[in-house]
Amino acid sequence: MGKIGLRAWAMVGVTAVSLLWLPARGGAISLDEAGDIKLGVRSYVNARVGTENTHDGVPQFTASKRLLDVTYSATFPHSDAGHLRQNRAYIEAELNHDLSRLVKEGIGPLSLLNDLPFKVKELAYHVTFRGEGDGLYDWGPREYSSAVEFNKLLAIPAPAFNQTVVNVAAARERLRHLGTDRERLFQAYVEANAGDLFVRVGRQILSWGETDAFQLLDHINPIDNSFGGFLIDLDERRLPLDMALGNYYLGDFGPISEAYLEGYAAIDDKVGYYPGVPAGSPWALPSLGWPSNAAETFLIQPARTVDNARGGFLFKFNAMDATFSVAHYYTYFDTPDIRVFTSGAPGSSDVLHSFQEGLPCAAPGGTNCGYPAHAYLTAPRVQVSGASTTFAVPQIYGVVRSEVAYFKGEPAYTQGQLDPFLFNPNNTGGDRVKDSVNAVLGLDINQWIRALNPSQTFFVSTQFFYKHIEHGAGSDILRNGKVNPDREVLPVDLTLVKPPPRIGLNITSPVEPIYIQQPIDQYLQTLLISTSYYSGQVTPAFTFFYDWGGAFLYQPSITVVHDPFRFIMDYSIIDSHIYKGGSGVSLLKDRDNVQFRVEYVI
C-alpha cells in the first residue's frame, strides 16, 4: 500500500475510532439543534477464512477425447483451507442536510427561491463518503501477501506465436493497486420538491424492480465485483452514476390510484467490467484469475457523451389491491461485449485506435506485441423493457412479487466467436449480442413456528427466476463429433493451465480452449428464512440458492446486536459437481468460507 493509501486509511481509522464515542440514535445523529443536518455512519471489519482448498486440476475426458467432466478449475493462486481470504475494512459516512426550513425563512441566497414562479416545498443535499480496504495483501497468507505464486509463472515457457513471458511485476502491481484500498466521494446530489414534481440531480443510485440478489429491471447502476467479490452485499457493489432524475405524481384517476411517472438520464462512463477483478484476487473466476501471456485485454468504457447516455422511464400505480409498474430504459450491462483478434489480424490496429486513441500495443507488424490474441471489451447499449406487480395475500400474511423483462442487445458469446482455432484463418471471431426473455415470481410470508420461536414469526422469502436466450444454439457436439461453434458459452476457459496432451472435443490442438456452455433455458430458486430472539438482539438466518443446472449455495448466518454494535458470522457453502453456466453459482464452488464481522452503526 502506497503512502497515500496508508495516510488515507489512517484518517479513516482515526475517524472510525472517534465515532465510537458518539451516541447511537436510530441510525443517524443530528448535528444541529433543529435536526436539519444528520450524520449516519456504518463501519465494519471482517475476517473471511477459506474452508476448502482451491482447485488446480484439469478437465476430464473419455477415451475418445470427448469432454466428460470438469471437476476442477484453474484457480489462481492456490490457497489451502484455513487460510485468510479476506480482511475487509469498510466505512460509509452519509451527511444529509435538509434546507427546507432555511428556504422557508429566506436565509441568505436561498431566499431567491421564494421568487420563483413555482414554490419549492423541500430542498436538501446528500453526500456520502465510502472507504474500503483489504489487509489480505499485506498480512495475509503468502499466496496473497507476496509474489511467490506469481513468480512461479516465470518458469512457464512461451514457445508459440512470438509469445511474451508473463508480466509478473505488472500483474502484481495491478492487484495491489485495485485490491488494497479505495476511497471515494460515493454519492453527492441535490433534491427538491416543487408541487407534484420531485427532482434529484447528481451522483446517485436508482433501483427499479421487485427482486432481491439477482437483477431483472434493476440494471440501471453497474455492479462492481472488483473490490470484495460476489459475497459482498449487493448494495455495497452498486456504482453510482451522474444522473438527473425526475418523478411526477399523477394522483388518482378511474380505478388507478397513487400513480406516478419517473424518468432518468445518466451521462457516465462507469461499467461493471471496469476495472474488473484483478488477476490474483481470491474472487476471480476460474482461469480468469491467472496473469495471461496468451491474450492482451483492453477494457474500453463508453464515452461520456449524450450519444452514449443511459435513460428511460417507469410508470407505477395501484389498482385492484395491487401495485403495478411498466418500465423501459437503455443501459449498459455488467458483462462486456468481447471481440478477439489473433496475430496479424487485418485491421486490428485500426479497430483498437478507433475505440480509444493512445492505447498501447496496437498489433504493428502482425505480432500483437507478443500476445497471440487481443481481446477488446466494450459495452453495447442494451434495451430493457418490462413490467412488475406486487400484491398482498392476507390469508397467509404474504406478499407476491413478480417481474417480466425483455433484454434486447445483451452481450453474448459463442465458442466460434471466442475460440481462435475455430475462427482462423479469418483472424477475428467478431462480436455478438442476443435477446432474452426473463421472469421472476417471488413470495414473502410471515409464519409462526411456535415450537422454534414462541415470541416471533419466521420471515420466509423465495424467488424463482427464469431466463430464455432467443435463437440460441443448444447443441454441444455436431454430428461429425466436433464442437459446435454456435454453442452458447461463458467466456471462462478451463484449459489455460495444465492442459492434458490432447485438449478439445475431437480437436487435436494442445491449447484448444473449452468454454463453459451456457444453457438456453435457465432456472434459479432462492430462499431466505430468518427470525429473531431476545427482542431482536439475536437474528439467525438461512440463505439458499439452487441453480437447476446442478449448483447450490448454502449460507447459514447469525447476527447479534448490542447497539451500536453488530456481530455477524456466516458460513458460505458453494456446491456443484461440475462447472456450469446459468447463474454462475458453480463457478466459485471451490471458495467455501466462514466470515466473522464486527459492525458499528449510528
Foldseek 3Di string as FASTA:
>chain_A
DDPVQVVVVVVVVVVVVVCVPPADDPFWDAPDPVSQKIKWKKKKWKWWFFQAKAFCDFFDADPLQAGDFFQHFRDPPIDGGGFTQWTKIKMKMKIKGKCQVCLVVLPDPSVVQVVDPFHWRTKMKMWMKMKMFTCCCCPTDCRRVHLVSLVVQQPDDDPPLLADGFPSVVLNVVQCVQEGMDIDRQWIWMWIDTPQKIKIFTWDADADFDDALDDARGFAFAFAQQYPASPPHRVVRTGTFGKIKMKGFPADDDQKGRKIKIKMKTQGFDAHPVVHHGQSRNRDFGPVNHRDRAEAEDEFTDHRDPVPMKMWMKIWIDGPQKIKIWIKIKHWYNFWWKKKFFFPQPCQLVVVVVRPPPDPQSRPPRSSVNHRMYIYTYTDIKMKTKMKMKHADVVQQKIKIKMKIKIGFAWFDFQQQPWCVNVPPNRMSDTDGWMKIKMKIKMWGWADPCVVPVPKTKIKIKMKMKMATPPADPDQADPVQAGDRRFTFDPHWRQQPPFDCAHHRSDRDSRGTDTAGAHRMWMKMKMKIWIAPDVRQKIWMWIWMDTVVFKIWIKTKMWGDDPQKIKIKIWIAIDGSHQHHHPRSNRSRSRTIIMIMMMGID
